[in-house]
Amino acid sequence: MAVSILTGCSTINYEDAETKFSRTSFGNKLSIGKLEVESKDGLKVVKMEGYSNDQVEAIKIAVEAAVAAAVKAAVPVAP
């Protein structure tokens, strides 16, 4: 597996005797902690751990803020 990171651009390439995989992302950062490819009974099994990119992080922040606002609005104010 080869990962090259340029300013705002990420490319991931994987290639073996039977499989070729490539993903390019422009305008955001991408990271993968671990990528495993196994062959079981003629099927390729891909396991990916630690996937993160800027878009996922932005959604996470927005959801956390929305939940915090909903909880704050739901808590009654003492007189």
PDB file of N, CA and C in Angstrom:
ATOM      1  N   MET A   1       0.854  -1.177   0.000  1.00  0.00           N
ATOM      2  CA  MET A   1       0.000   0.000   0.000  1.00  0.00           C
ATOM      3  C   MET A   1       0.894   1.232   0.000  1.00  0.00           C
ATOM      4  N   ALA A   2       0.565   2.157  -0.827  1.00  0.00           N
ATOM      5  CA  ALA A   2       1.316   3.408  -0.883  1.00  0.00           C
ATOM      6  C   ALA A   2       0.361   4.552  -0.590  1.00  0.00           C
ATOM      7  N   VAL A   3       0.793   5.466   0.252  1.00  0.00           N
ATOM      8  CA  VAL A   3      -0.020   6.640   0.566  1.00  0.00           C
ATOM      9  C   VAL A   3       0.847   7.860   0.338  1.00  0.00           C
ATOM     10  N   SER A   4       0.376   8.752  -0.515  1.00  0.00           N
ATOM     11  CA  SER A   4       1.107   9.994  -0.721  1.00  0.00           C
ATOM     12  C   SER A   4       0.176  11.139  -0.377  1.00  0.00           C
ATOM     13  N   ILE A   5       0.673  12.069   0.403  1.00  0.00           N
ATOM     14  CA  ILE A   5      -0.143  13.200   0.835  1.00  0.00           C
ATOM     15  C   ILE A   5       0.493  14.483   0.329  1.00  0.00           C
ATOM     16  N   LEU A   6      -0.257  15.213  -0.472  1.00  0.00           N
ATOM     17  CA  LEU A   6       0.164  16.515  -0.962  1.00  0.00           C
ATOM     18  C   LEU A   6      -0.727  17.546  -0.300  1.00  0.00           C
ATOM     19  N   THR A   7      -0.482  18.799  -0.530  1.00  0.00           N
ATOM     20  CA  THR A   7      -1.305  19.844   0.053  1.00  0.00           C
ATOM     21  C   THR A   7      -2.734  19.701  -0.433  1.00  0.00           C
ATOM     22  N   GLY A   8      -3.627  19.307   0.485  1.00  0.00           N
ATOM     23  CA  GLY A   8      -5.037  19.179   0.151  1.00  0.00           C
ATOM     24  C   GLY A   8      -5.374  18.022  -0.767  1.00  0.00           C
ATOM     25  N   CYS A   9      -4.473  17.100  -0.988  1.00  0.00           N
ATOM     26  CA  CYS A   9      -4.704  15.992  -1.896  1.00  0.00           C
ATOM     27  C   CYS A   9      -4.178  14.708  -1.263  1.00  0.00           C
ATOM     28  N   SER A  10      -4.979  13.639  -1.326  1.00  0.00           N
ATOM     29  CA  SER A  10      -4.551  12.349  -0.802  1.00  0.00           C
ATOM     30  C   SER A  10      -4.787  11.283  -1.856  1.00  0.00           C
ATOM     31  N   THR A  11      -3.813  10.412  -2.037  1.00  0.00           N
ATOM     32  CA  THR A  11      -3.960   9.292  -2.955  1.00  0.00           C
ATOM     33  C   THR A  11      -3.549   8.019  -2.237  1.00  0.00           C
ATOM     34  N   ILE A  12      -4.406   7.011  -2.333  1.00  0.00           N
ATOM     35  CA  ILE A  12      -4.110   5.710  -1.740  1.00  0.00           C
ATOM     36  C   ILE A  12      -4.136   4.695  -2.865  1.00  0.00           C
ATOM     37  N   ASN A  13      -3.094   3.899  -2.958  1.00  0.00           N
ATOM     38  CA  ASN A  13      -3.013   2.861  -3.974  1.00  0.00           C
ATOM     39  C   ASN A  13      -2.691   1.533  -3.308  1.00  0.00           C
ATOM     40  N   TYR A  14      -3.386   0.490  -3.739  1.00  0.00           N
ATOM     41  CA  TYR A  14      -3.086  -0.871  -3.292  1.00  0.00           C
ATOM     42  C   TYR A  14      -3.110  -1.758  -4.515  1.00  0.00           C
ATOM     43  N   GLU A  15      -2.125  -2.628  -4.638  1.00  0.00           N
ATOM     44  CA  GLU A  15      -2.102  -3.523  -5.784  1.00  0.00           C
ATOM     45  C   GLU A  15      -1.423  -4.828  -5.387  1.00  0.00           C
ATOM     46  N   ASP A  16      -2.060  -5.944  -5.747  1.00  0.00           N
ATOM     47  CA  ASP A  16      -1.412  -7.238  -5.621  1.00  0.00           C
ATOM     48  C   ASP A  16      -1.606  -7.970  -6.954  1.00  0.00           C
ATOM     49  N   ALA A  17      -1.343  -9.259  -6.985  1.00  0.00           N
ATOM     50  CA  ALA A  17      -1.416 -10.002  -8.247  1.00  0.00           C
ATOM     51  C   ALA A  17      -2.813 -10.006  -8.864  1.00  0.00           C
ATOM     52  N   GLU A  18      -3.859  -9.902  -8.025  1.00  0.00           N
ATOM     53  CA  GLU A  18      -5.227 -10.021  -8.518  1.00  0.00           C
ATOM     54  C   GLU A  18      -6.064  -8.756  -8.368  1.00  0.00           C
ATOM     55  N   THR A  19      -5.625  -7.830  -7.545  1.00  0.00           N
ATOM     56  CA  THR A  19      -6.474  -6.702  -7.183  1.00  0.00           C
ATOM     57  C   THR A  19      -5.733  -5.386  -7.333  1.00  0.00           C
ATOM     58  N   LYS A  20      -6.454  -4.383  -7.789  1.00  0.00           N
ATOM     59  CA  LYS A  20      -5.904  -3.034  -7.848  1.00  0.00           C
ATOM     60  C   LYS A  20      -6.952  -2.087  -7.274  1.00  0.00           C
ATOM     61  N   PHE A  21      -6.542  -1.250  -6.340  1.00  0.00           N
ATOM     62  CA  PHE A  21      -7.438  -0.304  -5.698  1.00  0.00           C
ATOM     63  C   PHE A  21      -6.745   1.045  -5.650  1.00  0.00           C
ATOM     64  N   SER A  22      -7.476   2.092  -6.008  1.00  0.00           N
ATOM     65  CA  SER A  22      -6.922   3.435  -5.952  1.00  0.00           C
ATOM     66  C   SER A  22      -8.021   4.404  -5.524  1.00  0.00           C
ATOM     67  N   ARG A  23      -7.677   5.341  -4.660  1.00  0.00           N
ATOM     68  CA  ARG A  23      -8.620   6.370  -4.229  1.00  0.00           C
ATOM     69  C   ARG A  23      -7.860   7.680  -4.136  1.00  0.00           C
ATOM     70  N   THR A  24      -8.385   8.695  -4.788  1.00  0.00           N
ATOM     71  CA  THR A  24      -7.789  10.017  -4.732  1.00  0.00           C
ATOM     72  C   THR A  24      -8.811  10.985  -4.188  1.00  0.00           C
ATOM     73  N   SER A  25      -8.384  11.830  -3.288  1.00  0.00           N
ATOM     74  CA  SER A  25      -9.271  12.803  -2.657  1.00  0.00           C
ATOM     75  C   SER A  25      -8.626  14.170  -2.779  1.00  0.00           C
ATOM     76  N   PHE A  26      -9.376  15.124  -3.308  1.00  0.00           N
ATOM     77  CA  PHE A  26      -8.861  16.481  -3.464  1.00  0.00           C
ATOM     78  C   PHE A  26      -9.546  17.410  -2.483  1.00  0.00           C
ATOM     79  N   GLY A  27      -8.811  18.300  -1.877  1.00  0.00           N
ATOM     80  CA  GLY A  27      -9.394  19.320  -1.021  1.00  0.00           C
ATOM     81  C   GLY A  27      -9.624  18.912   0.411  1.00  0.00           C
ATOM     82  N   ASN A  28      -9.189  17.730   0.792  1.00  0.00           N
ATOM     83  CA  ASN A  28      -9.273  17.360   2.198  1.00  0.00           C
ATOM     84  C   ASN A  28      -8.171  16.380   2.556  1.00  0.00           C
ATOM     85  N   LYS A  29      -7.944  16.233   3.827  1.00  0.00           N
ATOM     86  CA  LYS A  29      -6.918  15.310   4.306  1.00  0.00           C
ATOM     87  C   LYS A  29      -7.577  13.969   4.614  1.00  0.00           C
ATOM     88  N   LEU A  30      -6.854  12.901   4.375  1.00  0.00           N
ATOM     89  CA  LEU A  30      -7.352  11.552   4.572  1.00  0.00           C
ATOM     90  C   LEU A  30      -6.292  10.743   5.303  1.00  0.00           C
ATOM     91  N   SER A  31      -6.717   9.932   6.260  1.00  0.00           N
ATOM     92  CA  SER A  31      -5.768   9.031   6.897  1.00  0.00           C
ATOM     93  C   SER A  31      -6.447   7.699   7.183  1.00  0.00           C
ATOM     94  N   ILE A  32      -5.677   6.642   7.052  1.00  0.00           N
ATOM     95  CA  ILE A  32      -6.129   5.292   7.364  1.00  0.00           C
ATOM     96  C   ILE A  32      -5.077   4.682   8.275  1.00  0.00           C
ATOM     97  N   GLY A  33      -5.525   4.240   9.453  1.00  0.00           N
ATOM     98  CA  GLY A  33      -4.591   3.661  10.410  1.00  0.00           C
ATOM     99  C   GLY A  33      -4.093   2.289   9.993  1.00  0.00           C
ATOM    100  N   LYS A  34      -4.999   1.456   9.449  1.00  0.00           N
ATOM    101  CA  LYS A  34      -4.630   0.084   9.113  1.00  0.00           C
ATOM    102  C   LYS A  34      -5.524  -0.408   7.974  1.00  0.00           C
ATOM    103  N   LEU A  35      -4.936  -1.078   7.005  1.00  0.00           N
ATOM    104  CA  LEU A  35      -5.674  -1.649   5.889  1.00  0.00           C
ATOM    105  C   LEU A  35      -5.172  -3.060   5.651  1.00  0.00           C
ATOM    106  N   GLU A  36      -6.083  -4.029   5.725  1.00  0.00           N
ATOM    107  CA  GLU A  36      -5.734  -5.427   5.484  1.00  0.00           C
ATOM    108  C   GLU A  36      -6.580  -5.955   4.343  1.00  0.00           C
ATOM    109  N   VAL A  37      -5.969  -6.732   3.466  1.00  0.00           N
ATOM    110  CA  VAL A  37      -6.694  -7.398   2.386  1.00  0.00           C
ATOM    111  C   VAL A  37      -6.416  -8.883   2.516  1.00  0.00           C
ATOM    112  N   GLU A  38      -7.496  -9.670   2.649  1.00  0.00           N
ATOM    113  CA  GLU A  38      -7.374 -11.111   2.771  1.00  0.00           C
ATOM    114  C   GLU A  38      -8.178 -11.770   1.667  1.00  0.00           C
ATOM    115  N   SER A  39      -7.759 -12.951   1.261  1.00  0.00           N
ATOM    116  CA  SER A  39      -8.506 -13.724   0.282  1.00  0.00           C
ATOM    117  C   SER A  39      -9.079 -14.945   0.993  1.00  0.00           C
ATOM    118  N   LYS A  40     -10.422 -15.061   0.999  1.00  0.00           N
ATOM    119  CA  LYS A  40     -11.094 -16.182   1.660  1.00  0.00           C
ATOM    120  C   LYS A  40     -12.081 -16.798   0.684  1.00  0.00           C
ATOM    121  N   ASP A  41     -11.909 -18.058   0.386  1.00  0.00           N
ATOM    122  CA  ASP A  41     -12.828 -18.795  -0.488  1.00  0.00           C
ATOM    123  C   ASP A  41     -13.098 -18.047  -1.791  1.00  0.00           C
ATOM    124  N   GLY A  42     -12.081 -17.472  -2.378  1.00  0.00           N
ATOM    125  CA  GLY A  42     -12.226 -16.769  -3.646  1.00  0.00           C
ATOM    126  C   GLY A  42     -12.740 -15.346  -3.530  1.00  0.00           C
ATOM    127  N   LEU A  43     -13.020 -14.881  -2.324  1.00  0.00           N
ATOM    128  CA  LEU A  43     -13.497 -13.519  -2.107  1.00  0.00           C
ATOM    129  C   LEU A  43     -12.410 -12.685  -1.459  1.00  0.00           C
ATOM    130  N   LYS A  44     -12.332 -11.423  -1.839  1.00  0.00           N
ATOM    131  CA  LYS A  44     -11.408 -10.495  -1.195  1.00  0.00           C
ATOM    132  C   LYS A  44     -12.131  -9.839  -0.032  1.00  0.00           C
ATOM    133  N   VAL A  45     -11.491  -9.835   1.134  1.00  0.00           N
ATOM    134  CA  VAL A  45     -12.037  -9.180   2.314  1.00  0.00           C
ATOM    135  C   VAL A  45     -11.107  -8.031   2.660  1.00  0.00           C
ATOM    136  N   VAL A  46     -11.666  -6.816   2.699  1.00  0.00           N
ATOM    137  CA  VAL A  46     -10.881  -5.633   3.015  1.00  0.00           C
ATOM    138  C   VAL A  46     -11.294  -5.141   4.391  1.00  0.00           C
ATOM    139  N   LYS A  47     -10.316  -5.002   5.282  1.00  0.00           N
ATOM    140  CA  LYS A  47     -10.569  -4.479   6.623  1.00  0.00           C
ATOM    141  C   LYS A  47      -9.835  -3.153   6.759  1.00  0.00           C
ATOM    142  N   MET A  48     -10.577  -2.117   7.134  1.00  0.00           N
ATOM    143  CA  MET A  48      -9.992  -0.791   7.278  1.00  0.00           C
ATOM    144  C   MET A  48     -10.276  -0.289   8.690  1.00  0.00           C
ATOM    145  N   GLU A  49      -9.241   0.188   9.363  1.00  0.00           N
ATOM    146  CA  GLU A  49      -9.384   0.736  10.709  1.00  0.00           C
ATOM    147  C   GLU A  49      -8.771   2.125  10.762  1.00  0.00           C
ATOM    148  N   GLY A  50      -9.340   2.973  11.598  1.00  0.00           N
ATOM    149  CA  GLY A  50      -8.772   4.297  11.819  1.00  0.00           C
ATOM    150  C   GLY A  50      -8.968   5.250  10.657  1.00  0.00           C
ATOM    151  N   TYR A  51     -10.079   5.120   9.919  1.00  0.00           N
ATOM    152  CA  TYR A  51     -10.341   6.003   8.778  1.00  0.00           C
ATOM    153  C   TYR A  51     -10.771   7.377   9.283  1.00  0.00           C
ATOM    154  N   SER A  52     -10.167   8.391   8.756  1.00  0.00           N
ATOM    155  CA  SER A  52     -10.523   9.761   9.135  1.00  0.00           C
ATOM    156  C   SER A  52     -10.258  10.683   7.954  1.00  0.00           C
ATOM    157  N   ASN A  53     -11.152  11.664   7.783  1.00  0.00           N
ATOM    158  CA  ASN A  53     -10.892  12.717   6.814  1.00  0.00           C
ATOM    159  C   ASN A  53     -11.529  14.003   7.323  1.00  0.00           C
ATOM    160  N   ASP A  54     -11.201  15.110   6.700  1.00  0.00           N
ATOM    161  CA  ASP A  54     -11.696  16.410   7.144  1.00  0.00           C
ATOM    162  C   ASP A  54     -13.213  16.485   7.144  1.00  0.00           C
ATOM    163  N   GLN A  55     -13.858  15.875   6.159  1.00  0.00           N
ATOM    164  CA  GLN A  55     -15.318  15.935   6.065  1.00  0.00           C
ATOM    165  C   GLN A  55     -15.959  15.188   7.224  1.00  0.00           C
ATOM    166  N   VAL A  56     -15.422  14.035   7.588  1.00  0.00           N
ATOM    167  CA  VAL A  56     -15.952  13.269   8.722  1.00  0.00           C
ATOM    168  C   VAL A  56     -15.781  14.072  10.005  1.00  0.00           C
ATOM    169  N   GLU A  57     -14.627  14.702  10.173  1.00  0.00           N
ATOM    170  CA  GLU A  57     -14.393  15.502  11.372  1.00  0.00           C
ATOM    171  C   GLU A  57     -15.347  16.691  11.441  1.00  0.00           C
ATOM    172  N   ALA A  58     -15.627  17.325  10.319  1.00  0.00           N
ATOM    173  CA  ALA A  58     -16.550  18.463  10.300  1.00  0.00           C
ATOM    174  C   ALA A  58     -17.959  18.019  10.675  1.00  0.00           C
ATOM    175  N   ILE A  59     -18.397  16.878  10.170  1.00  0.00           N
ATOM    176  CA  ILE A  59     -19.722  16.351  10.522  1.00  0.00           C
ATOM    177  C   ILE A  59     -19.771  16.001  12.004  1.00  0.00           C
ATOM    178  N   LYS A  60     -18.711  15.415  12.523  1.00  0.00           N
ATOM    179  CA  LYS A  60     -18.648  15.052  13.941  1.00  0.00           C
ATOM    180  C   LYS A  60     -18.811  16.292  14.813  1.00  0.00           C
ATOM    181  N   ILE A  61     -18.127  17.371  14.479  1.00  0.00           N
ATOM    182  CA  ILE A  61     -18.215  18.612  15.258  1.00  0.00           C
ATOM    183  C   ILE A  61     -19.626  19.181  15.198  1.00  0.00           C
ATOM    184  N   ALA A  62     -20.247  19.159  14.016  1.00  0.00           N
ATOM    185  CA  ALA A  62     -21.604  19.685  13.861  1.00  0.00           C
ATOM    186  C   ALA A  62     -22.611  18.864  14.672  1.00  0.00           C
ATOM    187  N   VAL A  63     -22.478  17.553  14.643  1.00  0.00           N
ATOM    188  CA  VAL A  63     -23.397  16.686  15.393  1.00  0.00           C
ATOM    189  C   VAL A  63     -23.213  16.885  16.898  1.00  0.00           C
ATOM    190  N   GLU A  64     -21.971  16.968  17.348  1.00  0.00           N
ATOM    191  CA  GLU A  64     -21.726  17.196  18.779  1.00  0.00           C
ATOM    192  C   GLU A  64     -22.328  18.523  19.231  1.00  0.00           C
ATOM    193  N   ALA A  65     -22.210  19.561  18.427  1.00  0.00           N
ATOM    194  CA  ALA A  65     -22.776  20.867  18.771  1.00  0.00           C
ATOM    195  C   ALA A  65     -24.300  20.800  18.805  1.00  0.00           C
ATOM    196  N   ALA A  66     -24.907  20.105  17.851  1.00  0.00           N
ATOM    197  CA  ALA A  66     -26.365  19.976  17.813  1.00  0.00           C
ATOM    198  C   ALA A  66     -26.884  19.207  19.021  1.00  0.00           C
ATOM    199  N   VAL A  67     -26.203  18.139  19.407  1.00  0.00           N
ATOM    200  CA  VAL A  67     -26.605  17.353  20.577  1.00  0.00           C
ATOM    201  C   VAL A  67     -26.463  18.187  21.841  1.00  0.00           C
ATOM    202  N   ALA A  68     -25.365  18.913  21.973  1.00  0.00           N
ATOM    203  CA  ALA A  68     -25.166  19.757  23.155  1.00  0.00           C
ATOM    204  C   ALA A  68     -26.261  20.818  23.247  1.00  0.00           C
ATOM    205  N   ALA A  69     -26.640  21.426  22.127  1.00  0.00           N
ATOM    206  CA  ALA A  69     -27.701  22.444  22.121  1.00  0.00           C
ATOM    207  C   ALA A  69     -29.048  21.821  22.470  1.00  0.00           C
ATOM    208  N   ALA A  70     -29.328  20.621  21.965  1.00  0.00           N
ATOM    209  CA  ALA A  70     -30.591  19.939  22.266  1.00  0.00           C
ATOM    210  C   ALA A  70     -30.681  19.577  23.735  1.00  0.00           C
ATOM    211  N   VAL A  71     -29.576  19.111  24.315  1.00  0.00           N
ATOM    212  CA  VAL A  71     -29.569  18.755  25.741  1.00  0.00           C
ATOM    213  C   VAL A  71     -29.759  20.008  26.575  1.00  0.00           C
ATOM    214  N   LYS A  72     -29.076  21.073  26.216  1.00  0.00           N
ATOM    215  CA  LYS A  72     -29.203  22.324  26.966  1.00  0.00           C
ATOM    216  C   LYS A  72     -30.643  22.853  26.898  1.00  0.00           C
ATOM    217  N   ALA A  73     -31.277  22.755  25.750  1.00  0.00           N
ATOM    218  CA  ALA A  73     -32.650  23.225  25.590  1.00  0.00           C
ATOM    219  C   ALA A  73     -33.648  22.353  26.348  1.00  0.00           C
ATOM    220  N   ALA A  74     -33.331  21.076  26.526  1.00  0.00           N
ATOM    221  CA  ALA A  74     -34.229  20.139  27.176  1.00  0.00           C
ATOM    222  C   ALA A  74     -34.160  20.212  28.696  1.00  0.00           C
ATOM    223  N   VAL A  75     -33.088  20.742  29.241  1.00  0.00           N
ATOM    224  CA  VAL A  75     -32.922  20.822  30.695  1.00  0.00           C
ATOM    225  C   VAL A  75     -33.709  22.023  31.207  1.00  0.00           C
ATOM    226  N   PRO A  76     -34.675  21.781  32.125  1.00  0.00           N
ATOM    227  CA  PRO A  76     -35.455  22.912  32.642  1.00  0.00           C
ATOM    228  C   PRO A  76     -34.595  23.858  33.493  1.00  0.00           C
ATOM    229  N   VAL A  77     -34.912  25.120  33.407  1.00  0.00           N
ATOM    230  CA  VAL A  77     -34.195  26.142  34.155  1.00  0.00           C
ATOM    231  C   VAL A  77     -34.877  26.299  35.513  1.00  0.00           C
ATOM    232  N   ALA A  78     -34.093  26.273  36.591  1.00  0.00           N
ATOM    233  CA  ALA A  78     -34.652  26.424  37.942  1.00  0.00           C
ATOM    234  C   ALA A  78     -35.176  27.863  38.127  1.00  0.00           C
ATOM    235  N   PRO A  79     -36.339  28.013  38.810  1.00  0.00           N
ATOM    236  CA  PRO A  79     -36.887  29.367  39.015  1.00  0.00           C
ATOM    237  C   PRO A  79     -36.059  30.226  39.927  1.00  0.00           C
TER     238      PRO A  79
END
